[in-house]
């Protein structure tokens, strides 16, 4: 039994794009977040477990980035990597409204402002 029963490890793979017509398992994110029974991020539980809500960004041959899932003013969610620098966060588009279940799709706006769609591949207990 996990000591963090609400936490889930979620893997997102890049969905189809012009550059990757079949999508890509080499471009995406793995992150940990507390999910409620319907698969939505639980903001109250995130407050209690935020130090465990980490993200790993993998993007082809680029160096992996490690950061945190953050809850922004107004209720939006983002991935924050650069604690001391100037890098912008990567914003989850309507993450609060999406259920994180295998087969579902979510969008993330990268630090350059480009919006990408990802498919939820796995959701596993931590």
N, C-alpha and C. Protein backbone atom coordinates (compact mmCIF):
# COMPACT_ATOMS: atom_id res chain seq x y z
N UNK A 1 0.85 -1.19 0.00
CA UNK A 1 0.00 0.00 0.00
C UNK A 1 0.88 1.24 0.00
N UNK A 2 0.60 2.17 -0.86
CA UNK A 2 1.38 3.41 -0.97
C UNK A 2 1.15 4.29 0.24
N UNK A 3 2.19 5.02 0.64
CA UNK A 3 2.03 5.97 1.73
C UNK A 3 1.35 7.24 1.22
N UNK A 4 1.18 7.36 -0.11
CA UNK A 4 0.50 8.50 -0.75
C UNK A 4 -0.61 7.96 -1.64
N UNK A 5 -1.72 7.52 -1.05
CA UNK A 5 -2.74 6.82 -1.84
C UNK A 5 -3.37 7.62 -2.96
N UNK A 6 -3.44 8.96 -2.86
CA UNK A 6 -4.08 9.76 -3.91
C UNK A 6 -3.11 10.08 -5.06
N UNK A 7 -1.80 9.94 -4.82
CA UNK A 7 -0.83 10.34 -5.85
C UNK A 7 -0.77 9.32 -6.98
N UNK A 8 -0.70 9.86 -8.19
CA UNK A 8 -0.58 9.04 -9.39
C UNK A 8 0.58 9.55 -10.24
N UNK A 9 1.26 8.62 -10.89
CA UNK A 9 2.29 8.95 -11.87
C UNK A 9 1.62 8.90 -13.24
N UNK A 10 1.63 10.03 -13.93
CA UNK A 10 0.91 10.19 -15.19
C UNK A 10 1.92 10.39 -16.30
N UNK A 11 1.78 9.62 -17.36
CA UNK A 11 2.67 9.79 -18.52
C UNK A 11 1.87 10.33 -19.69
N UNK A 12 2.41 11.41 -20.27
CA UNK A 12 1.82 12.03 -21.44
C UNK A 12 2.79 11.91 -22.61
N UNK A 13 2.34 11.37 -23.72
CA UNK A 13 3.14 11.31 -24.94
C UNK A 13 2.58 12.29 -25.96
N UNK A 14 3.47 12.86 -26.75
CA UNK A 14 3.06 13.80 -27.79
C UNK A 14 2.08 13.12 -28.74
N UNK A 15 0.96 13.79 -28.98
CA UNK A 15 -0.04 13.28 -29.93
C UNK A 15 0.41 13.62 -31.35
N UNK A 16 -0.39 13.28 -32.32
CA UNK A 16 -0.03 13.53 -33.73
C UNK A 16 0.23 15.01 -33.98
N UNK A 17 1.31 15.26 -34.72
CA UNK A 17 1.63 16.60 -35.19
C UNK A 17 2.10 16.47 -36.63
N UNK A 18 2.31 17.61 -37.28
CA UNK A 18 2.83 17.59 -38.64
C UNK A 18 4.20 16.90 -38.66
N UNK A 19 5.02 17.21 -37.66
CA UNK A 19 6.37 16.64 -37.58
C UNK A 19 6.35 15.16 -37.17
N UNK A 20 5.35 14.78 -36.35
CA UNK A 20 5.23 13.40 -35.87
C UNK A 20 3.81 12.89 -36.14
N UNK A 21 3.54 12.44 -37.38
CA UNK A 21 2.17 12.04 -37.75
C UNK A 21 1.62 10.88 -36.92
N UNK A 22 2.49 10.08 -36.33
CA UNK A 22 2.05 8.97 -35.48
C UNK A 22 2.13 9.32 -34.00
N UNK A 23 2.47 10.58 -33.69
CA UNK A 23 2.74 10.95 -32.31
C UNK A 23 4.16 10.54 -31.96
N UNK A 24 4.56 10.71 -30.71
CA UNK A 24 5.92 10.35 -30.32
C UNK A 24 5.99 9.97 -28.85
N UNK A 25 6.51 8.77 -28.59
CA UNK A 25 6.76 8.32 -27.22
C UNK A 25 8.06 8.90 -26.68
N UNK A 26 8.80 9.63 -27.52
CA UNK A 26 10.08 10.23 -27.11
C UNK A 26 9.92 11.71 -26.76
N UNK A 27 8.71 12.21 -26.81
CA UNK A 27 8.42 13.61 -26.49
C UNK A 27 7.22 13.64 -25.55
N UNK A 28 7.45 14.13 -24.35
CA UNK A 28 6.32 14.18 -23.42
C UNK A 28 6.72 14.49 -22.00
N UNK A 29 5.87 14.06 -21.10
CA UNK A 29 6.02 14.38 -19.67
C UNK A 29 5.64 13.17 -18.84
N UNK A 30 6.29 13.04 -17.70
CA UNK A 30 5.83 12.18 -16.63
C UNK A 30 5.73 13.07 -15.41
N UNK A 31 4.56 13.05 -14.77
CA UNK A 31 4.43 13.87 -13.58
C UNK A 31 3.58 13.16 -12.54
N UNK A 32 3.74 13.60 -11.30
CA UNK A 32 3.01 13.05 -10.18
C UNK A 32 2.02 14.09 -9.69
N UNK A 33 0.78 13.65 -9.51
CA UNK A 33 -0.28 14.55 -9.04
C UNK A 33 -1.32 13.75 -8.27
N UNK A 34 -1.99 14.38 -7.31
CA UNK A 34 -3.09 13.71 -6.63
C UNK A 34 -4.35 13.80 -7.50
N UNK A 35 -4.96 12.66 -7.74
CA UNK A 35 -6.18 12.63 -8.55
C UNK A 35 -7.35 12.17 -7.69
N UNK A 36 -8.51 12.76 -7.95
CA UNK A 36 -9.71 12.30 -7.26
C UNK A 36 -10.26 11.07 -7.99
N UNK A 37 -11.39 10.56 -7.53
CA UNK A 37 -11.93 9.32 -8.10
C UNK A 37 -12.31 9.45 -9.57
N UNK A 38 -12.57 10.69 -10.03
CA UNK A 38 -12.94 10.88 -11.44
C UNK A 38 -11.72 11.18 -12.32
N UNK A 39 -10.52 11.19 -11.73
CA UNK A 39 -9.30 11.40 -12.51
C UNK A 39 -8.88 12.85 -12.63
N UNK A 40 -9.53 13.76 -11.90
CA UNK A 40 -9.17 15.18 -11.94
C UNK A 40 -8.14 15.48 -10.85
N UNK A 41 -7.30 16.47 -11.11
CA UNK A 41 -6.32 16.88 -10.10
C UNK A 41 -7.06 17.43 -8.89
N UNK A 42 -6.69 16.95 -7.72
CA UNK A 42 -7.30 17.34 -6.45
C UNK A 42 -6.46 18.47 -5.84
N UNK A 43 -6.96 19.70 -5.94
CA UNK A 43 -6.19 20.88 -5.50
C UNK A 43 -5.94 20.86 -3.99
N UNK A 44 -6.92 20.42 -3.20
CA UNK A 44 -6.73 20.39 -1.75
C UNK A 44 -5.65 19.38 -1.37
N UNK A 45 -5.65 18.22 -2.02
CA UNK A 45 -4.63 17.21 -1.74
C UNK A 45 -3.27 17.68 -2.26
N UNK A 46 -3.26 18.40 -3.38
CA UNK A 46 -2.00 18.92 -3.91
C UNK A 46 -1.33 19.83 -2.86
N UNK A 47 -2.12 20.66 -2.18
CA UNK A 47 -1.55 21.54 -1.15
C UNK A 47 -0.81 20.74 -0.09
N UNK A 48 -1.35 19.59 0.28
CA UNK A 48 -0.73 18.75 1.31
C UNK A 48 0.49 18.00 0.78
N UNK A 49 0.47 17.66 -0.49
CA UNK A 49 1.50 16.78 -1.07
C UNK A 49 2.36 17.45 -2.14
N UNK A 50 2.33 18.78 -2.22
CA UNK A 50 2.97 19.47 -3.34
C UNK A 50 4.46 19.15 -3.50
N UNK A 51 5.16 18.87 -2.40
CA UNK A 51 6.58 18.55 -2.52
C UNK A 51 6.81 17.25 -3.28
N UNK A 52 5.79 16.40 -3.38
CA UNK A 52 5.89 15.13 -4.10
C UNK A 52 5.40 15.24 -5.55
N UNK A 53 4.86 16.40 -5.91
CA UNK A 53 4.27 16.58 -7.24
C UNK A 53 5.33 17.09 -8.21
N UNK A 54 6.11 16.17 -8.72
CA UNK A 54 7.25 16.47 -9.59
C UNK A 54 6.88 16.21 -11.05
N UNK A 55 7.67 16.79 -11.94
CA UNK A 55 7.49 16.56 -13.37
C UNK A 55 8.85 16.32 -14.02
N UNK A 56 8.84 15.43 -15.02
CA UNK A 56 10.03 15.19 -15.85
C UNK A 56 9.59 15.41 -17.29
N UNK A 57 10.27 16.35 -17.95
CA UNK A 57 9.99 16.64 -19.36
C UNK A 57 11.07 15.96 -20.19
N UNK A 58 10.65 15.13 -21.14
CA UNK A 58 11.60 14.49 -22.06
C UNK A 58 11.22 14.90 -23.46
N UNK A 59 12.21 15.32 -24.24
CA UNK A 59 11.93 15.88 -25.55
C UNK A 59 13.01 15.46 -26.54
N UNK A 60 12.85 14.25 -27.07
CA UNK A 60 13.79 13.73 -28.05
C UNK A 60 15.21 13.72 -27.50
N UNK A 61 16.14 14.33 -28.24
CA UNK A 61 17.53 14.35 -27.84
C UNK A 61 17.91 15.45 -26.86
N UNK A 62 16.94 16.30 -26.48
CA UNK A 62 17.24 17.38 -25.54
C UNK A 62 17.45 16.83 -24.14
N UNK A 63 18.16 17.60 -23.33
CA UNK A 63 18.35 17.22 -21.94
C UNK A 63 17.00 17.25 -21.21
N UNK A 64 16.76 16.25 -20.37
CA UNK A 64 15.51 16.21 -19.60
C UNK A 64 15.46 17.38 -18.63
N UNK A 65 14.25 17.85 -18.38
CA UNK A 65 14.05 18.90 -17.38
C UNK A 65 13.23 18.32 -16.24
N UNK A 66 13.61 18.67 -15.03
CA UNK A 66 12.91 18.21 -13.83
C UNK A 66 12.35 19.43 -13.12
N UNK A 67 11.10 19.35 -12.70
CA UNK A 67 10.48 20.48 -12.02
C UNK A 67 9.33 20.05 -11.15
N UNK A 68 8.41 20.98 -10.93
CA UNK A 68 7.27 20.76 -10.05
C UNK A 68 5.96 21.11 -10.76
N UNK A 69 4.89 20.44 -10.34
CA UNK A 69 3.54 20.83 -10.72
C UNK A 69 3.13 21.95 -9.78
N UNK A 70 2.73 23.09 -10.33
CA UNK A 70 2.34 24.24 -9.50
C UNK A 70 0.90 24.64 -9.82
N UNK A 71 0.24 25.13 -8.79
CA UNK A 71 -1.14 25.62 -8.91
C UNK A 71 -1.07 27.13 -8.89
N UNK A 72 -1.47 27.76 -9.96
CA UNK A 72 -1.31 29.20 -10.12
C UNK A 72 -2.54 29.95 -9.61
N UNK A 73 -2.37 31.24 -9.32
CA UNK A 73 -3.53 32.05 -8.94
C UNK A 73 -4.60 31.97 -10.04
N UNK A 74 -5.83 31.85 -9.64
CA UNK A 74 -6.92 31.71 -10.61
C UNK A 74 -7.26 30.26 -10.88
N UNK A 75 -6.46 29.33 -10.37
CA UNK A 75 -6.79 27.91 -10.47
C UNK A 75 -6.13 27.14 -11.58
N UNK A 76 -5.29 27.77 -12.40
CA UNK A 76 -4.65 27.03 -13.49
C UNK A 76 -3.46 26.23 -12.94
N UNK A 77 -3.00 25.29 -13.75
CA UNK A 77 -1.88 24.42 -13.38
C UNK A 77 -0.76 24.62 -14.38
N UNK A 78 0.49 24.43 -13.91
CA UNK A 78 1.64 24.59 -14.79
C UNK A 78 2.78 23.71 -14.29
N UNK A 79 3.75 23.50 -15.17
CA UNK A 79 5.01 22.85 -14.80
C UNK A 79 6.05 23.94 -14.65
N UNK A 80 6.71 23.96 -13.51
CA UNK A 80 7.72 24.99 -13.21
C UNK A 80 9.07 24.29 -13.04
N UNK A 81 10.06 24.72 -13.83
CA UNK A 81 11.37 24.07 -13.80
C UNK A 81 12.45 24.95 -13.18
N UNK A 82 12.51 26.17 -13.61
CA UNK A 82 13.64 27.03 -13.31
C UNK A 82 13.35 27.85 -12.05
N UNK A 83 13.77 27.34 -10.90
CA UNK A 83 13.42 27.94 -9.62
C UNK A 83 14.03 29.35 -9.49
N UNK A 84 15.27 29.52 -9.93
CA UNK A 84 15.96 30.79 -9.70
C UNK A 84 16.12 31.64 -10.95
N UNK A 85 15.76 31.11 -12.11
CA UNK A 85 16.04 31.83 -13.35
C UNK A 85 14.82 32.50 -13.94
N UNK A 86 14.91 32.72 -15.23
CA UNK A 86 13.90 33.49 -15.95
C UNK A 86 12.99 32.64 -16.83
N UNK A 87 13.17 31.32 -16.82
CA UNK A 87 12.36 30.47 -17.70
C UNK A 87 10.88 30.59 -17.34
N UNK A 88 10.05 30.68 -18.36
CA UNK A 88 8.61 30.70 -18.14
C UNK A 88 8.12 29.30 -17.81
N UNK A 89 7.01 29.22 -17.12
CA UNK A 89 6.37 27.94 -16.83
C UNK A 89 5.73 27.40 -18.11
N UNK A 90 5.51 26.09 -18.12
CA UNK A 90 4.72 25.47 -19.18
C UNK A 90 3.32 25.26 -18.63
N UNK A 91 2.35 25.87 -19.25
CA UNK A 91 0.99 25.89 -18.72
C UNK A 91 0.16 24.73 -19.26
N UNK A 92 -0.51 24.04 -18.35
CA UNK A 92 -1.47 23.01 -18.75
C UNK A 92 -2.77 23.70 -19.15
N UNK A 93 -3.23 23.44 -20.36
CA UNK A 93 -4.45 24.08 -20.84
C UNK A 93 -5.66 23.39 -20.22
N UNK A 94 -6.36 24.10 -19.35
CA UNK A 94 -7.56 23.60 -18.68
C UNK A 94 -7.31 22.28 -17.96
N UNK A 95 -6.13 22.14 -17.34
CA UNK A 95 -5.81 20.91 -16.60
C UNK A 95 -6.84 20.63 -15.52
N UNK A 96 -7.37 21.67 -14.89
CA UNK A 96 -8.34 21.48 -13.82
C UNK A 96 -9.63 20.83 -14.31
N UNK A 97 -9.95 20.99 -15.59
CA UNK A 97 -11.20 20.45 -16.14
C UNK A 97 -11.02 19.07 -16.76
N UNK A 98 -9.78 18.65 -17.00
CA UNK A 98 -9.53 17.39 -17.69
C UNK A 98 -9.39 16.23 -16.71
N UNK A 99 -9.93 15.09 -17.10
CA UNK A 99 -9.71 13.86 -16.36
C UNK A 99 -8.45 13.20 -16.94
N UNK A 100 -7.55 12.82 -16.06
CA UNK A 100 -6.32 12.16 -16.49
C UNK A 100 -6.55 10.66 -16.44
N UNK A 101 -7.00 10.15 -17.61
CA UNK A 101 -7.26 8.73 -17.79
C UNK A 101 -6.63 8.30 -19.10
N UNK A 102 -6.09 7.07 -19.15
CA UNK A 102 -5.47 6.60 -20.40
C UNK A 102 -6.41 6.78 -21.60
N UNK A 103 -5.83 7.32 -22.67
CA UNK A 103 -6.59 7.55 -23.91
C UNK A 103 -7.10 8.97 -24.04
N UNK A 104 -7.18 9.70 -22.93
CA UNK A 104 -7.64 11.09 -22.98
C UNK A 104 -6.53 11.99 -23.54
N UNK A 105 -6.91 13.18 -23.97
CA UNK A 105 -5.96 14.15 -24.52
C UNK A 105 -5.95 15.41 -23.67
N UNK A 106 -4.77 15.99 -23.51
CA UNK A 106 -4.60 17.27 -22.81
C UNK A 106 -3.62 18.12 -23.62
N UNK A 107 -3.65 19.41 -23.40
CA UNK A 107 -2.75 20.32 -24.11
C UNK A 107 -1.87 21.07 -23.12
N UNK A 108 -0.65 21.36 -23.56
CA UNK A 108 0.32 22.10 -22.76
C UNK A 108 0.94 23.16 -23.64
N UNK A 109 1.01 24.37 -23.10
CA UNK A 109 1.67 25.48 -23.79
C UNK A 109 3.09 25.55 -23.27
N UNK A 110 4.07 25.41 -24.18
CA UNK A 110 5.47 25.42 -23.75
C UNK A 110 5.95 26.83 -23.45
N UNK A 111 7.21 26.93 -23.02
CA UNK A 111 7.74 28.23 -22.60
C UNK A 111 7.81 29.24 -23.74
N UNK A 112 7.72 28.76 -24.98
CA UNK A 112 7.72 29.66 -26.14
C UNK A 112 6.31 30.07 -26.55
N UNK A 113 5.30 29.53 -25.86
CA UNK A 113 3.93 29.88 -26.18
C UNK A 113 3.27 28.96 -27.19
N UNK A 114 3.99 27.90 -27.61
CA UNK A 114 3.41 26.95 -28.58
C UNK A 114 2.57 25.92 -27.84
N UNK A 115 1.38 25.63 -28.36
CA UNK A 115 0.46 24.69 -27.74
C UNK A 115 0.61 23.32 -28.40
N UNK A 116 0.84 22.30 -27.58
CA UNK A 116 0.98 20.92 -28.05
C UNK A 116 -0.08 20.05 -27.38
N UNK A 117 -0.54 19.04 -28.10
CA UNK A 117 -1.50 18.09 -27.56
C UNK A 117 -0.78 16.80 -27.22
N UNK A 118 -1.17 16.23 -26.07
CA UNK A 118 -0.57 15.00 -25.57
C UNK A 118 -1.66 14.01 -25.23
N UNK A 119 -1.33 12.72 -25.37
CA UNK A 119 -2.26 11.68 -24.97
C UNK A 119 -1.81 11.12 -23.63
N UNK A 120 -2.77 10.90 -22.74
CA UNK A 120 -2.50 10.26 -21.47
C UNK A 120 -2.26 8.78 -21.78
N UNK A 121 -1.05 8.30 -21.50
CA UNK A 121 -0.69 6.91 -21.83
C UNK A 121 -0.89 6.01 -20.63
N UNK A 122 -0.39 6.43 -19.47
CA UNK A 122 -0.54 5.63 -18.26
C UNK A 122 -0.87 6.52 -17.07
N UNK A 123 -1.59 5.95 -16.12
CA UNK A 123 -1.88 6.57 -14.83
C UNK A 123 -1.71 5.45 -13.81
N UNK A 124 -0.66 5.56 -12.98
CA UNK A 124 -0.35 4.47 -12.06
C UNK A 124 -0.21 5.00 -10.64
N UNK A 125 -0.54 4.16 -9.64
CA UNK A 125 -0.29 4.56 -8.26
C UNK A 125 1.20 4.80 -8.04
N UNK A 126 1.51 5.72 -7.14
CA UNK A 126 2.92 6.00 -6.82
C UNK A 126 3.40 4.94 -5.85
